[in-house]
C-alpha cells in the first residue's frame, strides 16, 4: 500500500509539474503535450526529466 501511494504521489506531481510548465511555456510556443508518455517519463525522472523533454522539444521540433 505504501508503494502504491508513493507512485500516485509521483504521478500527481508529474502532472502538476508539466501543467505549470505549459502555463509558462505557452508564451514561448514550447508546449509539451500532456499524455501517457510524458507523464510516465516525468514520473520516473521528476524535474530533470522536464528539462530533458524541453531539450528534446527544442532540438527536434524547433530546429
PDB file of N, CA and C in Angstrom:
ATOM      1  N   UNK A   1       0.823  -1.201   0.000  1.00  0.00           N
ATOM      2  CA  UNK A   1       0.000   0.000   0.000  1.00  0.00           C
ATOM      3  C   UNK A   1       0.862   1.257   0.000  1.00  0.00           C
ATOM      4  N   UNK A   2       1.964   1.225   0.718  1.00  0.00           N
ATOM      5  CA  UNK A   2       2.854   2.376   0.783  1.00  0.00           C
ATOM      6  C   UNK A   2       3.483   2.659  -0.588  1.00  0.00           C
ATOM      7  N   UNK A   3       3.820   1.598  -1.298  1.00  0.00           N
ATOM      8  CA  UNK A   3       4.416   1.742  -2.630  1.00  0.00           C
ATOM      9  C   UNK A   3       3.422   2.357  -3.622  1.00  0.00           C
ATOM     10  N   UNK A   4       2.167   1.933  -3.535  1.00  0.00           N
ATOM     11  CA  UNK A   4       1.135   2.451  -4.442  1.00  0.00           C
ATOM     12  C   UNK A   4       0.889   3.935  -4.181  1.00  0.00           C
ATOM     13  N   UNK A   5       0.840   4.321  -2.916  1.00  0.00           N
ATOM     14  CA  UNK A   5       0.619   5.740  -2.606  1.00  0.00           C
ATOM     15  C   UNK A   5       1.811   6.590  -3.041  1.00  0.00           C
ATOM     16  N   UNK A   6       3.005   6.030  -2.963  1.00  0.00           N
ATOM     17  CA  UNK A   6       4.192   6.759  -3.431  1.00  0.00           C
ATOM     18  C   UNK A   6       4.133   6.977  -4.943  1.00  0.00           C
ATOM     19  N   UNK A   7       3.715   5.969  -5.688  1.00  0.00           N
ATOM     20  CA  UNK A   7       3.603   6.093  -7.144  1.00  0.00           C
ATOM     21  C   UNK A   7       2.513   7.093  -7.513  1.00  0.00           C
ATOM     22  N   UNK A   8       1.395   7.061  -6.807  1.00  0.00           N
ATOM     23  CA  UNK A   8       0.305   8.002  -7.087  1.00  0.00           C
ATOM     24  C   UNK A   8       0.754   9.433  -6.812  1.00  0.00           C
ATOM     25  N   UNK A   9       1.513   9.645  -5.741  1.00  0.00           N
ATOM     26  CA  UNK A   9       2.040  10.981  -5.448  1.00  0.00           C
ATOM     27  C   UNK A   9       2.984  11.459  -6.542  1.00  0.00           C
ATOM     28  N   UNK A  10       3.830  10.565  -7.044  1.00  0.00           N
ATOM     29  CA  UNK A  10       4.750  10.939  -8.110  1.00  0.00           C
ATOM     30  C   UNK A  10       4.011  11.276  -9.405  1.00  0.00           C
ATOM     31  N   UNK A  11       2.960  10.524  -9.720  1.00  0.00           N
ATOM     32  CA  UNK A  11       2.174  10.795 -10.927  1.00  0.00           C
ATOM     33  C   UNK A  11       1.479  12.145 -10.812  1.00  0.00           C
ATOM     34  N   UNK A  12       0.898  12.429  -9.655  1.00  0.00           N
ATOM     35  CA  UNK A  12       0.232  13.722  -9.458  1.00  0.00           C
ATOM     36  C   UNK A  12       1.236  14.857  -9.534  1.00  0.00           C
ATOM     37  N   UNK A  13       2.421  14.665  -8.950  1.00  0.00           N
ATOM     38  CA  UNK A  13       3.466  15.690  -9.035  1.00  0.00           C
ATOM     39  C   UNK A  13       3.894  15.910 -10.479  1.00  0.00           C
ATOM     40  N   UNK A  14       4.010  14.852 -11.251  1.00  0.00           N
ATOM     41  CA  UNK A  14       4.407  14.976 -12.655  1.00  0.00           C
ATOM     42  C   UNK A  14       3.361  15.739 -13.454  1.00  0.00           C
ATOM     43  N   UNK A  15       2.085  15.474 -13.194  1.00  0.00           N
ATOM     44  CA  UNK A  15       1.018  16.181 -13.905  1.00  0.00           C
ATOM     45  C   UNK A  15       1.035  17.664 -13.558  1.00  0.00           C
ATOM     46  N   UNK A  16       1.175  17.971 -12.275  1.00  0.00           N
ATOM     47  CA  UNK A  16       1.208  19.375 -11.842  1.00  0.00           C
ATOM     48  C   UNK A  16       2.444  20.080 -12.394  1.00  0.00           C
ATOM     49  N   UNK A  17       3.586  19.404 -12.387  1.00  0.00           N
ATOM     50  CA  UNK A  17       4.822  19.984 -12.913  1.00  0.00           C
ATOM     51  C   UNK A  17       4.692  20.292 -14.399  1.00  0.00           C
ATOM     52  N   UNK A  18       4.156  19.366 -15.160  1.00  0.00           N
ATOM     53  CA  UNK A  18       4.007  19.573 -16.602  1.00  0.00           C
ATOM     54  C   UNK A  18       2.969  20.640 -16.911  1.00  0.00           C
ATOM     55  N   UNK A  19       1.885  20.659 -16.159  1.00  0.00           N
ATOM     56  CA  UNK A  19       0.859  21.671 -16.375  1.00  0.00           C
ATOM     57  C   UNK A  19       1.393  23.070 -16.059  1.00  0.00           C
ATOM     58  N   UNK A  20       2.140  23.204 -14.966  1.00  0.00           N
ATOM     59  CA  UNK A  20       2.690  24.518 -14.624  1.00  0.00           C
ATOM     60  C   UNK A  20       3.747  24.950 -15.640  1.00  0.00           C
ATOM     61  N   UNK A  21       4.538  24.005 -16.145  1.00  0.00           N
ATOM     62  CA  UNK A  21       5.493  24.331 -17.207  1.00  0.00           C
ATOM     63  C   UNK A  21       4.756  24.834 -18.446  1.00  0.00           C
ATOM     64  N   UNK A  22       3.668  24.170 -18.819  1.00  0.00           N
ATOM     65  CA  UNK A  22       2.913  24.567 -20.003  1.00  0.00           C
ATOM     66  C   UNK A  22       2.276  25.941 -19.843  1.00  0.00           C
ATOM     67  N   UNK A  23       1.888  26.302 -18.620  1.00  0.00           N
ATOM     68  CA  UNK A  23       1.345  27.644 -18.394  1.00  0.00           C
ATOM     69  C   UNK A  23       2.384  28.726 -18.687  1.00  0.00           C
ATOM     70  N   UNK A  24       3.623  28.461 -18.337  1.00  0.00           N
ATOM     71  CA  UNK A  24       4.696  29.429 -18.584  1.00  0.00           C
ATOM     72  C   UNK A  24       5.159  29.360 -20.038  1.00  0.00           C
ATOM     73  N   UNK A  25       5.272  28.156 -20.577  1.00  0.00           N
ATOM     74  CA  UNK A  25       5.860  27.961 -21.902  1.00  0.00           C
ATOM     75  C   UNK A  25       4.923  28.299 -23.044  1.00  0.00           C
ATOM     76  N   UNK A  26       3.649  28.512 -22.785  1.00  0.00           N
ATOM     77  CA  UNK A  26       2.720  28.821 -23.874  1.00  0.00           C
ATOM     78  C   UNK A  26       3.078  30.160 -24.512  1.00  0.00           C
ATOM     79  N   UNK A  27       3.647  31.073 -23.761  1.00  0.00           N
ATOM     80  CA  UNK A  27       4.039  32.359 -24.343  1.00  0.00           C
ATOM     81  C   UNK A  27       5.264  32.219 -25.246  1.00  0.00           C
ATOM     82  N   UNK A  28       6.055  31.164 -25.055  1.00  0.00           N
ATOM     83  CA  UNK A  28       7.229  30.917 -25.897  1.00  0.00           C
ATOM     84  C   UNK A  28       6.956  29.891 -26.985  1.00  0.00           C
ATOM     85  N   UNK A  29       5.720  29.404 -27.050  1.00  0.00           N
ATOM     86  CA  UNK A  29       5.307  28.387 -28.021  1.00  0.00           C
ATOM     87  C   UNK A  29       6.142  27.109 -27.887  1.00  0.00           C
ATOM     88  N   UNK A  30       6.424  26.700 -26.651  1.00  0.00           N
ATOM     89  CA  UNK A  30       7.183  25.475 -26.377  1.00  0.00           C
ATOM     90  C   UNK A  30       6.367  24.543 -25.482  1.00  0.00           C
ATOM     91  N   UNK A  31       5.138  24.275 -25.834  1.00  0.00           N
ATOM     92  CA  UNK A  31       4.244  23.474 -25.009  1.00  0.00           C
ATOM     93  C   UNK A  31       4.558  21.996 -25.213  1.00  0.00           C
ATOM     94  N   UNK A  32       4.680  21.268 -24.101  1.00  0.00           N
ATOM     95  CA  UNK A  32       4.868  19.823 -24.125  1.00  0.00           C
ATOM     96  C   UNK A  32       3.503  19.193 -23.875  1.00  0.00           C
ATOM     97  N   UNK A  33       3.042  18.310 -24.754  1.00  0.00           N
ATOM     98  CA  UNK A  33       1.703  17.739 -24.575  1.00  0.00           C
ATOM     99  C   UNK A  33       1.626  16.866 -23.321  1.00  0.00           C
ATOM    100  N   UNK A  34       0.469  16.892 -22.696  1.00  0.00           N
ATOM    101  CA  UNK A  34       0.235  16.053 -21.523  1.00  0.00           C
ATOM    102  C   UNK A  34      -0.407  14.758 -22.013  1.00  0.00           C
ATOM    103  N   UNK A  35       0.394  13.704 -22.065  1.00  0.00           N
ATOM    104  CA  UNK A  35      -0.098  12.396 -22.483  1.00  0.00           C
ATOM    105  C   UNK A  35       0.581  11.309 -21.637  1.00  0.00           C
ATOM    106  N   UNK A  36       0.287  10.066 -21.934  1.00  0.00           N
ATOM    107  CA  UNK A  36       0.805   8.958 -21.130  1.00  0.00           C
ATOM    108  C   UNK A  36       2.325   8.920 -21.134  1.00  0.00           C
ATOM    109  N   UNK A  37       2.944   9.136 -22.299  1.00  0.00           N
ATOM    110  CA  UNK A  37       4.403   9.064 -22.406  1.00  0.00           C
ATOM    111  C   UNK A  37       5.078  10.135 -21.559  1.00  0.00           C
ATOM    112  N   UNK A  38       4.630  11.380 -21.684  1.00  0.00           N
ATOM    113  CA  UNK A  38       5.293  12.453 -20.941  1.00  0.00           C
ATOM    114  C   UNK A  38       5.050  12.326 -19.441  1.00  0.00           C
ATOM    115  N   UNK A  39       3.860  11.915 -19.039  1.00  0.00           N
ATOM    116  CA  UNK A  39       3.582  11.749 -17.610  1.00  0.00           C
ATOM    117  C   UNK A  39       4.420  10.607 -17.036  1.00  0.00           C
ATOM    118  N   UNK A  40       4.519   9.496 -17.743  1.00  0.00           N
ATOM    119  CA  UNK A  40       5.326   8.387 -17.234  1.00  0.00           C
ATOM    120  C   UNK A  40       6.813   8.747 -17.221  1.00  0.00           C
ATOM    121  N   UNK A  41       7.276   9.490 -18.221  1.00  0.00           N
ATOM    122  CA  UNK A  41       8.660   9.949 -18.272  1.00  0.00           C
ATOM    123  C   UNK A  41       8.973  10.853 -17.085  1.00  0.00           C
ATOM    124  N   UNK A  42       8.079  11.779 -16.791  1.00  0.00           N
ATOM    125  CA  UNK A  42       8.281  12.682 -15.664  1.00  0.00           C
ATOM    126  C   UNK A  42       8.084  11.984 -14.322  1.00  0.00           C
ATOM    127  N   UNK A  43       7.278  10.950 -14.277  1.00  0.00           N
ATOM    128  CA  UNK A  43       7.093  10.208 -13.031  1.00  0.00           C
ATOM    129  C   UNK A  43       8.394   9.530 -12.609  1.00  0.00           C
ATOM    130  N   UNK A  44       9.125   9.010 -13.564  1.00  0.00           N
ATOM    131  CA  UNK A  44      10.367   8.321 -13.232  1.00  0.00           C
ATOM    132  C   UNK A  44      11.560   9.260 -13.091  1.00  0.00           C
ATOM    133  N   UNK A  45      11.566  10.384 -13.812  1.00  0.00           N
ATOM    134  CA  UNK A  45      12.737  11.265 -13.797  1.00  0.00           C
ATOM    135  C   UNK A  45      12.526  12.598 -13.082  1.00  0.00           C
ATOM    136  N   UNK A  46      11.314  12.916 -12.692  1.00  0.00           N
ATOM    137  CA  UNK A  46      10.969  14.152 -11.972  1.00  0.00           C
ATOM    138  C   UNK A  46      11.412  15.400 -12.743  1.00  0.00           C
ATOM    139  N   UNK A  47      11.961  16.394 -12.055  1.00  0.00           N
ATOM    140  CA  UNK A  47      12.305  17.675 -12.674  1.00  0.00           C
ATOM    141  C   UNK A  47      13.394  17.562 -13.744  1.00  0.00           C
ATOM    142  N   UNK A  48      14.432  16.748 -13.564  1.00  0.00           N
ATOM    143  CA  UNK A  48      15.402  16.598 -14.660  1.00  0.00           C
ATOM    144  C   UNK A  48      14.767  16.051 -15.942  1.00  0.00           C
ATOM    145  N   UNK A  49      13.720  15.261 -15.792  1.00  0.00           N
ATOM    146  CA  UNK A  49      13.001  14.763 -16.964  1.00  0.00           C
ATOM    147  C   UNK A  49      12.307  15.877 -17.717  1.00  0.00           C
ATOM    148  N   UNK A  50      11.826  16.883 -16.979  1.00  0.00           N
ATOM    149  CA  UNK A  50      11.193  18.031 -17.630  1.00  0.00           C
ATOM    150  C   UNK A  50      12.221  18.815 -18.442  1.00  0.00           C
ATOM    151  N   UNK A  51      13.409  18.973 -17.896  1.00  0.00           N
ATOM    152  CA  UNK A  51      14.486  19.653 -18.628  1.00  0.00           C
ATOM    153  C   UNK A  51      14.840  18.855 -19.879  1.00  0.00           C
ATOM    154  N   UNK A  52      14.920  17.546 -19.738  1.00  0.00           N
ATOM    155  CA  UNK A  52      15.236  16.697 -20.887  1.00  0.00           C
ATOM    156  C   UNK A  52      14.147  16.761 -21.951  1.00  0.00           C
ATOM    157  N   UNK A  53      12.882  16.768 -21.546  1.00  0.00           N
ATOM    158  CA  UNK A  53      11.795  16.901 -22.518  1.00  0.00           C
ATOM    159  C   UNK A  53      11.838  18.254 -23.216  1.00  0.00           C
ATOM    160  N   UNK A  54      12.187  19.298 -22.480  1.00  0.00           N
ATOM    161  CA  UNK A  54      12.334  20.616 -23.088  1.00  0.00           C
ATOM    162  C   UNK A  54      13.458  20.649 -24.113  1.00  0.00           C
ATOM    163  N   UNK A  55      14.566  19.991 -23.800  1.00  0.00           N
ATOM    164  CA  UNK A  55      15.678  19.928 -24.758  1.00  0.00           C
ATOM    165  C   UNK A  55      15.311  19.119 -25.996  1.00  0.00           C
ATOM    166  N   UNK A  56      14.601  18.023 -25.799  1.00  0.00           N
ATOM    167  CA  UNK A  56      14.158  17.218 -26.940  1.00  0.00           C
ATOM    168  C   UNK A  56      13.221  18.027 -27.819  1.00  0.00           C
ATOM    169  N   UNK A  57      12.315  18.765 -27.199  1.00  0.00           N
ATOM    170  CA  UNK A  57      11.400  19.616 -27.957  1.00  0.00           C
ATOM    171  C   UNK A  57      12.165  20.658 -28.752  1.00  0.00           C
ATOM    172  N   UNK A  58      13.144  21.281 -28.126  1.00  0.00           N
ATOM    173  CA  UNK A  58      13.909  22.346 -28.786  1.00  0.00           C
ATOM    174  C   UNK A  58      14.766  21.785 -29.927  1.00  0.00           C
ATOM    175  N   UNK A  59      15.419  20.654 -29.691  1.00  0.00           N
ATOM    176  CA  UNK A  59      16.327  20.101 -30.698  1.00  0.00           C
ATOM    177  C   UNK A  59      15.606  19.509 -31.904  1.00  0.00           C
ATOM    178  N   UNK A  60      14.517  18.777 -31.678  1.00  0.00           N
ATOM    179  CA  UNK A  60      13.897  18.050 -32.767  1.00  0.00           C
ATOM    180  C   UNK A  60      12.715  18.768 -33.423  1.00  0.00           C
ATOM    181  N   UNK A  61      12.061  19.651 -32.699  1.00  0.00           N
ATOM    182  CA  UNK A  61      10.867  20.270 -33.260  1.00  0.00           C
ATOM    183  C   UNK A  61      11.034  21.757 -33.559  1.00  0.00           C
ATOM    184  N   UNK A  62      11.969  22.404 -32.909  1.00  0.00           N
ATOM    185  CA  UNK A  62      12.172  23.825 -33.169  1.00  0.00           C
ATOM    186  C   UNK A  62      13.260  24.078 -34.200  1.00  0.00           C
ATOM    187  N   UNK A  63      14.083  23.102 -34.420  1.00  0.00           N
ATOM    188  CA  UNK A  63      15.122  23.226 -35.441  1.00  0.00           C
ATOM    189  C   UNK A  63      16.341  23.875 -35.024  1.00  0.00           C
TER     190      UNK A  63
END
